[in-house]
Amino acid sequence: MGEHEAPKPVPSKRPEKKVVASTASGAGVAVVMWLAALVGLDVPAGVAEAVVVLAVAVAGWLAPHTPRGEAP
């Protein structure tokens, strides 16, 4: 590295905010669907799965992007 070169950014090991939001929303909705079944609400499996997928998609879309350093 020369005297005037900026140091290269070190890649982060932390997951993107979008990944965290999507994963948490999927798990949360899955728990809600499970609780609904416990209280006697008859939710077909396909509907429960679709709700989880939609929640993951919406959370991933709405979550802010994690800023990264410039590509090498």
Protein backbone atom coordinates (compact mmCIF):
# COMPACT_ATOMS: atom_id res chain seq x y z
CA MET A 1 0.00 0.00 0.00
CA GLY A 2 1.42 3.35 -1.03
CA GLU A 3 1.62 6.42 1.14
CA HIS A 4 -1.52 8.01 -0.33
CA GLU A 5 -3.75 4.96 -0.76
CA ALA A 6 -6.81 4.62 1.43
CA PRO A 7 -7.10 1.33 3.31
CA LYS A 8 -9.50 -1.19 1.82
CA PRO A 9 -12.67 -1.76 3.85
CA VAL A 10 -12.80 -5.02 5.77
CA PRO A 11 -15.86 -7.11 4.90
CA SER A 12 -18.32 -7.39 7.77
CA LYS A 13 -19.29 -10.76 9.20
CA ARG A 14 -22.62 -9.31 10.34
CA PRO A 15 -25.67 -10.22 8.27
CA GLU A 16 -27.52 -7.62 6.22
CA LYS A 17 -30.40 -5.84 8.00
CA LYS A 18 -32.71 -7.22 5.31
CA VAL A 19 -31.67 -10.79 6.16
CA VAL A 20 -32.24 -10.27 9.87
CA ALA A 21 -35.64 -8.62 9.32
CA SER A 22 -36.81 -11.33 6.93
CA THR A 23 -35.66 -14.17 9.16
CA ALA A 24 -37.22 -12.68 12.29
CA SER A 25 -40.52 -11.96 10.55
CA GLY A 26 -40.72 -15.48 9.14
CA ALA A 27 -40.10 -17.00 12.55
CA GLY A 28 -42.55 -14.63 14.22
CA VAL A 29 -45.37 -15.35 11.79
CA ALA A 30 -44.71 -19.10 12.04
CA VAL A 31 -45.13 -18.84 15.82
CA VAL A 32 -48.36 -16.84 15.37
CA MET A 33 -49.70 -19.53 13.02
CA TRP A 34 -48.78 -22.21 15.57
CA LEU A 35 -50.54 -20.27 18.34
CA ALA A 36 -53.60 -19.87 16.12
CA ALA A 37 -53.74 -23.66 15.76
CA LEU A 38 -53.41 -24.07 19.53
CA VAL A 39 -56.46 -21.90 20.19
CA GLY A 40 -58.48 -23.86 17.65
CA LEU A 41 -58.27 -21.65 14.57
CA ASP A 42 -58.23 -23.95 11.56
CA VAL A 43 -55.62 -22.48 9.22
CA PRO A 44 -54.79 -24.73 6.26
CA ALA A 45 -51.07 -25.49 5.98
CA GLY A 46 -50.83 -23.89 2.54
CA VAL A 47 -52.35 -20.66 3.81
CA ALA A 48 -50.01 -20.58 6.82
CA GLU A 49 -47.03 -21.13 4.53
CA ALA A 50 -48.17 -18.39 2.18
CA VAL A 51 -48.56 -15.95 5.07
CA VAL A 52 -45.01 -16.71 6.24
CA VAL A 53 -43.62 -16.20 2.72
CA LEU A 54 -45.47 -12.91 2.31
CA ALA A 55 -44.24 -11.66 5.70
CA VAL A 56 -40.65 -12.53 4.77
CA ALA A 57 -40.97 -10.76 1.41
CA VAL A 58 -42.50 -7.61 2.92
CA ALA A 59 -39.93 -7.44 5.74
CA GLY A 60 -37.08 -7.91 3.28
CA TRP A 61 -38.49 -5.21 1.01
CA LEU A 62 -39.05 -2.67 3.79
CA ALA A 63 -35.88 -3.22 5.81
CA PRO A 64 -33.09 -0.74 5.10
CA HIS A 65 -30.07 -1.84 3.12
CA THR A 66 -26.87 -2.32 5.12
CA PRO A 67 -24.23 0.05 3.72
CA ARG A 68 -21.10 -1.77 2.61
CA GLY A 69 -17.67 -0.59 1.65
CA GLU A 70 -16.72 -0.23 -1.98
CA ALA A 71 -16.11 -3.44 -3.93
CA PRO A 72 -12.43 -4.30 -4.31
